[in-house]
Amino acid sequence: MPTWLLILIVGIVLLVFGIAVEAAQFLIWLGIVVLVVSLVLGLVGGRKRV
């Protein structure tokens, strides 16, 4: 399983938990950051293979 896919899954989980627990605003932002990083890594990794 690619690393960026694992990071994407972790980001989605953190985002869901952050939305479920309103007191955990930090998790929402952390989830968004992890999602963006995983998308960037996915794009960069995809370009290297082509």
Protein backbone atom coordinates (compact mmCIF):
# COMPACT_ATOMS: atom_id res chain seq x y z
CA MET A 1 0.00 0.00 0.00
CA PRO A 2 1.49 3.38 -0.99
CA THR A 3 2.54 5.75 1.77
CA TRP A 4 0.39 8.59 0.45
CA LEU A 5 -2.69 6.35 0.62
CA LEU A 6 -2.01 5.54 4.27
CA ILE A 7 -1.60 9.25 5.01
CA LEU A 8 -4.86 9.95 3.18
CA ILE A 9 -6.72 7.37 5.28
CA VAL A 10 -5.27 8.80 8.50
CA GLY A 11 -6.29 12.29 7.41
CA ILE A 12 -9.86 11.21 6.72
CA VAL A 13 -10.08 9.46 10.11
CA LEU A 14 -8.74 12.53 11.91
CA LEU A 15 -11.17 14.75 10.01
CA VAL A 16 -14.15 12.56 10.93
CA PHE A 17 -13.12 12.44 14.61
CA GLY A 18 -12.55 16.20 14.59
CA ILE A 19 -16.05 16.83 13.25
CA ALA A 20 -17.60 14.33 15.68
CA VAL A 21 -15.97 15.98 18.70
CA GLU A 22 -16.57 19.72 18.42
CA ALA A 23 -14.09 20.47 21.23
CA ALA A 24 -11.29 19.01 19.11
CA GLN A 25 -10.88 21.79 16.54
CA PHE A 26 -7.21 20.86 16.35
CA LEU A 27 -8.09 17.47 14.84
CA ILE A 28 -10.09 19.14 12.08
CA TRP A 29 -7.13 21.29 11.04
CA LEU A 30 -4.69 18.42 11.42
CA GLY A 31 -6.94 16.26 9.23
CA ILE A 32 -7.08 18.94 6.54
CA VAL A 33 -3.29 19.36 6.59
CA VAL A 34 -2.73 15.61 6.34
CA LEU A 35 -5.20 15.36 3.44
CA VAL A 36 -3.42 18.13 1.54
CA VAL A 37 0.00 16.57 2.18
CA SER A 38 -1.21 13.17 1.00
CA LEU A 39 -2.69 14.64 -2.17
CA VAL A 40 0.57 16.45 -2.93
CA LEU A 41 2.60 13.28 -2.30
CA GLY A 42 0.20 11.32 -4.50
CA LEU A 43 0.58 13.79 -7.35
CA VAL A 44 4.37 13.94 -7.05
CA GLY A 45 4.62 10.14 -6.78
CA GLY A 46 2.33 9.70 -9.78
CA ARG A 47 4.48 11.98 -11.90
CA LYS A 48 7.65 10.06 -11.04
CA ARG A 49 6.18 6.81 -12.38
CA VAL A 50 5.14 8.28 -15.73
